[in-house]
Amino acid sequence: MEISLCEPNLLALDALRADTLVSVVFADERPLRGASALADWRLCGLISKALMRGWFRGSFGEALLISPQGRLPMQRVLLLGAGLLEDFDAERMRSLTEKIGAKLKALVSRVSAWVLTGRHWCLLSAEDAASAFFATVKPWLDQEEVVLIEELHQHRHLLPFLEKERRKIRAPGKGLAAC
């Protein structure tokens, strides 16, 4: 599995070659922020409509699959609820990551793109979010690539950590590669 980083902006989102964009939304997150807001913009407010009409509330573990209908380069957008902002911590991040992994596996996703959940609200440091992410990455080692959407100024904090995790994934008989 390759791991790469991209910035949360419309140009980067349009250039992604992922089959699935994972958009995590908190139940009390209004207006949308980060990659979720960018995806909503490209989808002409479809995520906002789903929230306003009650089709999706952002409850923890709730999921909604959206077809981008050519407005984004991905085949699908997977919305996943993260619950309330005040309840979010590293353990909840791990649990949510497991749910995302299970959904991506069920969708037979090969390349996914998503934000390290809670980062745009500064609920977890970039390193803590990445640590929680990699602690639960095992279920989808069959993914060819995972693209993490993160602010450019955070890339320098994440790159050493990501390189260490890449070595674990690629090392035969060690770390994640052994699973």
Foldseek 3Di string as FASTA:
>chain_A
DAEAEDAQDLVRQQPDQWQEEEAQDELPDPPDDTNVVSLCVLLVNPVVVCCVVVVDRLAAQDWDKAASVPSTNHRIYIYGRQYHLVPDDLVSLLVSLLSVLVVCVVVVTQEYEYELPPVVVPRDQPVSSVVSNLVNVLSVLNRNYYYYHDHPVCCVVCVVVVVVSVCQCPDPPGHSVVD
